């Protein structure tokens, strides 16, 4: 008999409350309290900012405030996205134990071991399958692309991200069904570097929706139901409708009050750094901001829409950079557990920081 997961459709459409629920579920999943869950949800107009991103650089804050579009920082990585009730998101919450340092998943997974891949990166492929099948239900041919996207032709219709929270794991994704692309284009202000390796030069050119592809408006609730059915078939599980428990609601309300409704979390501090360098990695844009004094990094901040499931790892790398010369920091970064893609991009950026710091020192000496 296939393992049973809870199907959760709690009806929460406020973006801040939505992400408070997401974190409550993953925390309680890690504690072994919440069951494996597929959560389907829709939100009123909002922009979701990736956990490593600079809100002020990625979002037209004034436009969003003027038009009642909420802004909230997600707990997972990736780029800023616009949402309204015309599309939907899903999050798959499950727990695994016995995970080794090499990323292999142990036998504690809540769905069949044969369906569970050997690495977190492979999960993007696993969870893209029900999306591709759902598109096919509407006569739309879609394919997996890059690290975490599903495209129709060259336009993105689905993106996803992950969170690893000790023994718990969350795979989240967004399926564009009926979208107001004009509002999306105004609300988001991605850097030009984001489109460096793409034929599109704007968000409107880069994305598509199921409605656009079939040439008519599509019932979003119907698409959600089709996706849930394809999800069970792809992962070899069964779904049982359920509700949030009182413990989950209580923790979500607490997180809403102290975190997700605060400007401190959603916007952060606008700290100035001596230099900022950026590059496009396979998994997204990586930016390194740093203050360098006497050839030593005094402060460092890593931002971008790159994909890393363990947020603590990026914070650890930021701490390791401080107090080191850029050349020494390159060796340090290579010894971390960041993906090879992000690692080599940071090494490249540290080289640029070193060159820029040397140039500024030389110019300062000449002016004396």
Protein backbone atom coordinates (compact mmCIF):
# COMPACT_ATOMS: atom_id res chain seq x y z
CA UNK A 1 0.00 0.00 0.00
CA UNK A 2 1.31 3.44 -0.91
CA UNK A 3 2.29 5.77 1.96
CA UNK A 4 -0.33 8.33 2.96
CA UNK A 5 0.33 12.06 3.02
CA UNK A 6 -1.93 14.84 4.24
CA UNK A 7 -3.41 17.05 1.51
CA UNK A 8 -3.62 20.53 3.02
CA UNK A 9 -5.66 23.36 1.48
CA UNK A 10 -6.07 25.77 4.38
CA UNK A 11 -7.45 28.71 2.38
CA UNK A 12 -4.88 31.20 3.72
CA UNK A 13 -4.41 33.87 1.05
CA UNK A 14 -2.42 36.48 3.00
CA UNK A 15 1.23 36.21 1.89
CA UNK A 16 2.73 36.93 5.31
CA UNK A 17 0.49 34.40 7.05
CA UNK A 18 1.16 31.91 4.26
CA UNK A 19 4.90 31.81 4.91
CA UNK A 20 4.41 31.69 8.66
CA UNK A 21 2.45 28.48 8.10
CA UNK A 22 5.20 27.13 5.84
CA UNK A 23 7.85 27.57 8.52
CA UNK A 24 5.61 26.20 11.25
CA UNK A 25 5.07 23.03 9.24
CA UNK A 26 8.75 22.42 8.51
CA UNK A 27 9.70 23.03 12.15
CA UNK A 28 7.09 20.60 13.41
CA UNK A 29 7.99 18.14 10.67
CA UNK A 30 11.56 18.19 11.96
CA UNK A 31 10.22 17.51 15.47
CA UNK A 32 8.32 14.49 14.14
CA UNK A 33 4.97 16.08 15.00
CA UNK A 34 3.53 17.08 11.61
CA UNK A 35 2.79 14.34 9.06
CA UNK A 36 4.21 14.32 5.51
CA UNK A 37 2.12 16.95 3.73
CA UNK A 38 1.35 18.31 0.29
CA UNK A 39 0.15 21.89 0.79
CA UNK A 40 -1.60 23.66 -2.08
CA UNK A 41 -2.20 27.37 -1.72
CA UNK A 42 -3.09 30.59 -3.51
CA UNK A 43 -2.35 34.11 -2.30
CA UNK A 44 -3.66 37.58 -2.95
CA UNK A 45 -1.34 39.92 -4.87
CA UNK A 46 2.17 39.68 -3.44
CA UNK A 47 5.85 39.52 -4.24
CA UNK A 48 7.89 36.70 -2.70
CA UNK A 49 11.58 37.61 -2.30
CA UNK A 50 14.26 34.91 -2.10
CA UNK A 51 15.96 34.56 1.27
CA UNK A 52 19.36 35.75 -0.04
CA UNK A 53 18.03 38.65 -2.09
CA UNK A 54 18.09 42.40 -1.54
CA UNK A 55 14.42 43.38 -1.52
CA UNK A 56 15.09 46.98 -2.52
CA UNK A 57 17.11 45.91 -5.56
CA UNK A 58 14.70 43.22 -6.79
CA UNK A 59 11.31 44.87 -6.17
CA UNK A 60 9.70 48.20 -7.05
CA UNK A 61 8.72 48.79 -3.43
CA UNK A 62 6.92 52.08 -4.07
CA UNK A 63 4.80 50.56 -6.85
CA UNK A 64 3.85 47.59 -4.68
CA UNK A 65 2.90 49.76 -1.72
CA UNK A 66 0.82 52.06 -3.93
CA UNK A 67 -1.11 49.16 -5.45
CA UNK A 68 -1.58 47.06 -2.32
CA UNK A 69 0.87 44.34 -3.33
CA UNK A 70 2.38 42.74 -0.26
CA UNK A 71 6.10 42.00 -0.07
CA UNK A 72 7.38 39.04 1.93
CA UNK A 73 10.73 37.31 2.20
CA UNK A 74 10.64 33.55 1.77
CA UNK A 75 12.67 31.18 3.89
CA UNK A 76 14.01 29.43 0.78
CA UNK A 77 16.38 30.52 -1.97
CA UNK A 78 15.73 31.56 -5.55
CA UNK A 79 14.51 34.72 -7.21
CA UNK A 80 11.73 37.20 -6.50
CA UNK A 81 8.37 36.20 -7.97
CA UNK A 82 4.97 37.87 -8.28
CA UNK A 83 1.81 35.98 -7.32
CA UNK A 84 -1.92 36.46 -7.31
CA UNK A 85 -4.90 34.12 -7.02
CA UNK A 86 -4.66 33.33 -10.72
CA UNK A 87 -1.85 30.89 -10.03
CA UNK A 88 -0.90 28.51 -7.26
CA UNK A 89 2.03 27.14 -5.31
CA UNK A 90 2.66 23.82 -3.66
CA UNK A 91 4.97 22.70 -0.87
CA UNK A 92 5.84 19.08 -0.17
CA UNK A 93 6.91 18.55 3.44
CA UNK A 94 8.59 15.29 4.39
CA UNK A 95 11.21 13.97 6.73
CA UNK A 96 14.25 11.84 6.20
CA UNK A 97 16.78 10.52 8.67
CA UNK A 98 20.21 9.04 8.33
CA UNK A 99 21.27 11.54 5.69
CA UNK A 100 25.01 11.20 5.14
CA UNK A 101 27.47 13.99 4.37
CA UNK A 102 27.41 13.04 0.69
CA UNK A 103 23.71 13.80 0.48
CA UNK A 104 22.36 10.26 0.35
CA UNK A 105 18.90 9.88 1.82
CA UNK A 106 18.30 7.15 4.38
CA UNK A 107 15.42 4.74 4.75
CA UNK A 108 13.38 7.14 6.88
CA UNK A 109 11.84 8.85 3.84
CA UNK A 110 8.06 9.09 3.88
CA UNK A 111 7.66 7.87 0.31
CA UNK A 112 9.07 4.81 -1.49
CA UNK A 113 12.85 4.57 -1.34
CA UNK A 114 12.97 3.59 -5.01
CA UNK A 115 11.36 6.94 -5.93
CA UNK A 116 13.74 8.96 -3.76
CA UNK A 117 16.90 10.19 -5.50
CA UNK A 118 20.43 10.19 -4.18
CA UNK A 119 20.83 13.96 -4.03
CA UNK A 120 18.79 17.04 -3.27
CA UNK A 121 19.46 18.40 -6.75
CA UNK A 122 17.74 15.37 -8.28
CA UNK A 123 14.61 16.24 -6.32
CA UNK A 124 14.01 19.12 -8.72
CA UNK A 125 13.56 16.53 -11.48
CA UNK A 126 11.29 14.34 -9.35
CA UNK A 127 8.89 17.13 -8.45
CA UNK A 128 8.87 18.58 -11.97
CA UNK A 129 7.27 15.40 -13.34
CA UNK A 130 3.72 16.07 -12.03
CA UNK A 131 3.98 19.63 -13.37
CA UNK A 132 4.88 18.38 -16.84
CA UNK A 133 2.04 15.84 -16.70
CA UNK A 134 -0.40 18.55 -15.63
CA UNK A 135 0.60 20.72 -18.58
CA UNK A 136 0.11 17.70 -20.86
CA UNK A 137 -3.45 17.33 -19.51
CA UNK A 138 -4.16 20.67 -21.21
CA UNK A 139 -2.38 19.77 -24.43
CA UNK A 140 0.72 21.79 -23.52
CA UNK A 141 4.15 20.24 -24.03
CA UNK A 142 6.56 21.22 -21.27
CA UNK A 143 10.09 20.12 -20.38
CA UNK A 144 12.51 20.32 -17.49
CA UNK A 145 15.29 22.86 -17.97
CA UNK A 146 18.39 23.96 -16.13
CA UNK A 147 18.45 23.26 -12.43
CA UNK A 148 14.88 23.88 -11.27
CA UNK A 149 12.57 25.14 -14.04
CA UNK A 150 9.92 23.77 -16.37
CA UNK A 151 9.61 25.55 -19.72
CA UNK A 152 7.11 25.65 -22.55
CA UNK A 153 9.32 26.34 -25.54
CA UNK A 154 11.75 28.88 -24.10
CA UNK A 155 9.33 30.43 -21.59
CA UNK A 156 9.20 29.50 -17.92
CA UNK A 157 5.90 28.18 -16.56
CA UNK A 158 7.19 26.68 -13.30
CA UNK A 159 10.04 27.28 -10.87
CA UNK A 160 10.96 25.61 -7.59
CA UNK A 161 13.14 25.87 -4.50
CA UNK A 162 14.11 23.83 -1.44
CA UNK A 163 14.67 24.09 2.28
CA UNK A 164 16.60 21.57 4.35
CA UNK A 165 15.71 21.96 8.03
CA UNK A 166 17.66 19.34 9.98
CA UNK A 167 15.65 16.11 9.47
CA UNK A 168 12.89 17.90 7.56
CA UNK A 169 12.83 18.89 3.91
CA UNK A 170 10.52 21.09 1.85
CA UNK A 171 10.26 21.18 -1.93
CA UNK A 172 8.19 24.14 -3.13
CA UNK A 173 7.09 25.16 -6.60
CA UNK A 174 4.95 27.69 -8.45
CA UNK A 175 2.77 26.93 -11.47
CA UNK A 176 1.65 29.94 -13.52
CA UNK A 177 -1.96 29.47 -14.58
CA UNK A 178 -3.67 32.86 -15.14
CA UNK A 179 -1.27 35.76 -14.62
CA UNK A 180 -1.40 39.54 -14.91
CA UNK A 181 1.95 39.89 -16.68
CA UNK A 182 1.77 43.69 -16.77
CA UNK A 183 1.60 43.93 -12.98
CA UNK A 184 4.30 41.27 -12.65
CA UNK A 185 6.57 43.28 -14.93
CA UNK A 186 6.04 46.47 -12.93
CA UNK A 187 6.42 44.90 -9.50
CA UNK A 188 9.72 43.12 -10.16
CA UNK A 189 13.03 44.81 -11.01
CA UNK A 190 15.53 42.01 -11.65
CA UNK A 191 19.11 42.91 -12.62
CA UNK A 192 20.07 42.64 -16.29
CA UNK A 193 22.57 39.93 -15.30
CA UNK A 194 19.66 37.59 -14.61
CA UNK A 195 18.92 37.43 -18.34
CA UNK A 196 22.55 37.18 -19.44
CA UNK A 197 22.24 33.58 -20.68
CA UNK A 198 18.62 33.78 -21.86
CA UNK A 199 17.03 34.95 -25.12
CA UNK A 200 14.50 37.01 -23.13
CA UNK A 201 15.39 40.49 -21.87
CA UNK A 202 12.44 41.06 -19.54
CA UNK A 203 10.17 39.10 -17.22
CA UNK A 204 7.25 39.38 -19.65
CA UNK A 205 9.37 37.78 -22.35
CA UNK A 206 10.79 35.15 -20.00
CA UNK A 207 7.62 33.62 -18.49
CA UNK A 208 4.35 32.18 -19.70
CA UNK A 209 1.17 30.75 -18.18
CA UNK A 210 -1.10 27.82 -18.85
CA UNK A 211 -3.84 30.23 -19.92
CA UNK A 212 -1.55 31.94 -22.42
CA UNK A 213 -0.50 28.60 -23.90
CA UNK A 214 -4.04 27.23 -24.34
CA UNK A 215 -5.46 30.58 -25.47
CA UNK A 216 -8.15 30.93 -22.80
CA UNK A 217 -8.58 31.44 -19.07
CA UNK A 218 -8.12 28.23 -17.11
CA UNK A 219 -9.83 27.31 -13.84
CA UNK A 220 -7.01 27.46 -11.28
CA UNK A 221 -8.75 25.18 -8.79
CA UNK A 222 -9.17 22.56 -11.49
CA UNK A 223 -5.46 22.75 -12.31
CA UNK A 224 -4.63 22.30 -8.63
CA UNK A 225 -6.75 19.16 -8.51
CA UNK A 226 -5.11 17.76 -11.64
CA UNK A 227 -1.68 18.52 -10.19
CA UNK A 228 -2.54 16.71 -6.92
CA UNK A 229 -3.63 13.63 -8.90
CA UNK A 230 -0.43 13.68 -10.96
CA UNK A 231 1.59 14.21 -7.79
CA UNK A 232 0.27 11.00 -6.22
CA UNK A 233 1.00 9.00 -9.38
CA UNK A 234 4.50 10.41 -9.86
CA UNK A 235 5.61 9.89 -6.27
CA UNK A 236 3.73 6.69 -5.50
CA UNK A 237 1.76 8.04 -2.55
CA UNK A 238 -1.88 8.62 -1.63
CA UNK A 239 -3.37 11.85 -0.31
CA UNK A 240 -5.88 12.26 2.51
CA UNK A 241 -7.47 15.72 2.98
CA UNK A 242 -6.63 17.25 6.34
CA UNK A 243 -6.47 20.50 8.26
CA UNK A 244 -3.91 22.45 10.21
CA UNK A 245 -3.61 21.21 13.77
CA UNK A 246 -3.99 23.55 16.73
CA UNK A 247 -0.24 23.28 17.36
CA UNK A 248 0.57 24.21 13.76
CA UNK A 249 -1.81 27.18 13.88
CA UNK A 250 -0.38 28.41 17.18
CA UNK A 251 3.21 28.29 15.96
CA UNK A 252 2.24 29.93 12.64
CA UNK A 253 0.53 32.80 14.45
CA UNK A 254 3.62 33.30 16.59
CA UNK A 255 5.93 33.34 13.56
CA UNK A 256 3.58 35.76 11.79
CA UNK A 257 3.77 38.20 14.68
CA UNK A 258 7.52 38.10 15.37
CA UNK A 259 8.92 37.47 11.89
CA UNK A 260 6.88 37.43 8.68
CA UNK A 261 4.88 40.59 9.33
CA UNK A 262 7.97 42.64 10.22
CA UNK A 263 9.92 45.02 7.98
CA UNK A 264 13.13 43.74 9.54
CA UNK A 265 12.57 40.30 7.98
CA UNK A 266 10.92 41.34 4.72
CA UNK A 267 13.19 44.28 3.83
CA UNK A 268 16.31 43.89 5.94
CA UNK A 269 18.82 46.65 6.54
CA UNK A 270 20.20 48.76 3.69
CA UNK A 271 23.85 48.47 4.61
CA UNK A 272 26.45 50.05 2.32
CA UNK A 273 29.61 48.14 1.40
CA UNK A 274 32.85 49.30 -0.14
CA UNK A 275 32.43 47.13 -3.20
CA UNK A 276 29.95 44.72 -4.74
CA UNK A 277 30.70 42.26 -7.55
CA UNK A 278 28.29 39.89 -9.25
CA UNK A 279 28.35 36.94 -11.65
CA UNK A 280 25.89 34.52 -13.20
CA UNK A 281 26.23 30.93 -11.98
CA UNK A 282 24.33 27.91 -13.28
CA UNK A 283 21.89 28.17 -10.39
CA UNK A 284 21.40 31.94 -10.55
CA UNK A 285 23.03 35.30 -9.86
CA UNK A 286 25.60 35.46 -7.05
CA UNK A 287 26.63 38.84 -5.58
CA UNK A 288 29.40 39.43 -3.07
CA UNK A 289 29.53 42.69 -1.13
CA UNK A 290 32.60 43.38 0.97
CA UNK A 291 34.55 45.95 2.92
CA UNK A 292 38.30 45.45 2.49
CA UNK A 293 40.82 47.23 4.71
CA UNK A 294 44.59 46.73 4.50
CA UNK A 295 43.97 43.83 2.14
CA UNK A 296 41.71 42.00 4.62
CA UNK A 297 37.96 41.43 4.34
CA UNK A 298 36.31 43.17 7.30
CA UNK A 299 32.66 42.57 6.34
CA UNK A 300 31.03 40.33 3.76
CA UNK A 301 27.53 39.65 2.48
CA UNK A 302 26.45 37.07 -0.09
CA UNK A 303 23.24 37.80 -1.99
CA UNK A 304 21.46 36.56 -5.08
CA UNK A 305 18.87 34.17 -6.46
CA UNK A 306 21.16 31.13 -6.49
CA UNK A 307 19.84 27.87 -5.09
CA UNK A 308 21.12 26.51 -1.77
CA UNK A 309 18.77 24.48 0.42
CA UNK A 310 20.64 25.00 3.72
CA UNK A 311 20.51 28.67 4.66
CA UNK A 312 22.93 28.23 7.56
CA UNK A 313 25.63 27.23 5.09
CA UNK A 314 25.64 30.63 3.39
CA UNK A 315 25.74 32.41 6.76
CA UNK A 316 28.67 30.21 7.76
CA UNK A 317 30.58 31.12 4.60
CA UNK A 318 29.98 34.83 5.22
CA UNK A 319 31.52 34.47 8.68
CA UNK A 320 34.49 32.52 7.30
CA UNK A 321 35.34 35.28 4.82
CA UNK A 322 35.78 37.91 7.53
CA UNK A 323 39.35 38.39 8.69
CA UNK A 324 40.89 36.78 5.62
CA UNK A 325 42.59 38.13 2.56
CA UNK A 326 40.60 37.43 -0.63
CA UNK A 327 43.25 34.91 -1.74
CA UNK A 328 42.97 33.04 1.56
CA UNK A 329 39.17 33.25 1.39
CA UNK A 330 39.22 31.46 -1.97
CA UNK A 331 40.81 28.42 -0.33
CA UNK A 332 38.31 28.63 2.52
CA UNK A 333 35.32 28.72 0.17
CA UNK A 334 36.55 25.69 -1.75
CA UNK A 335 36.61 23.72 1.52
CA UNK A 336 32.91 24.39 2.29
CA UNK A 337 29.90 22.29 1.32
CA UNK A 338 28.49 24.80 -1.14
CA UNK A 339 27.67 23.36 -4.54
CA UNK A 340 30.58 23.38 -7.03
CA UNK A 341 28.66 25.90 -9.13
CA UNK A 342 28.25 28.46 -6.34
CA UNK A 343 31.73 27.71 -4.97
CA UNK A 344 33.53 28.49 -8.23
CA UNK A 345 31.44 31.62 -8.74
CA UNK A 346 32.39 32.92 -5.29
CA UNK A 347 36.05 32.11 -5.97
CA UNK A 348 35.84 34.17 -9.14
CA UNK A 349 34.20 37.06 -7.29
CA UNK A 350 36.85 36.97 -4.56
CA UNK A 351 39.48 37.33 -7.27
CA UNK A 352 37.66 40.44 -8.53
CA UNK A 353 37.51 41.81 -4.98
CA UNK A 354 41.24 41.27 -4.63
CA UNK A 355 41.98 43.07 -7.90
CA UNK A 356 39.67 45.96 -7.06
CA UNK A 357 41.16 46.34 -3.58
CA UNK A 358 44.70 46.38 -5.02
CA UNK A 359 43.70 48.97 -7.62
CA UNK A 360 42.17 51.24 -5.00
CA UNK A 361 45.24 50.94 -2.80
CA UNK A 362 47.49 51.83 -5.74
CA UNK A 363 45.39 54.87 -6.64
CA UNK A 364 45.33 56.01 -3.02
CA UNK A 365 49.14 55.79 -2.82
CA UNK A 366 49.51 57.81 -6.04
CA UNK A 367 47.33 60.60 -4.68
CA UNK A 368 49.46 61.03 -1.57
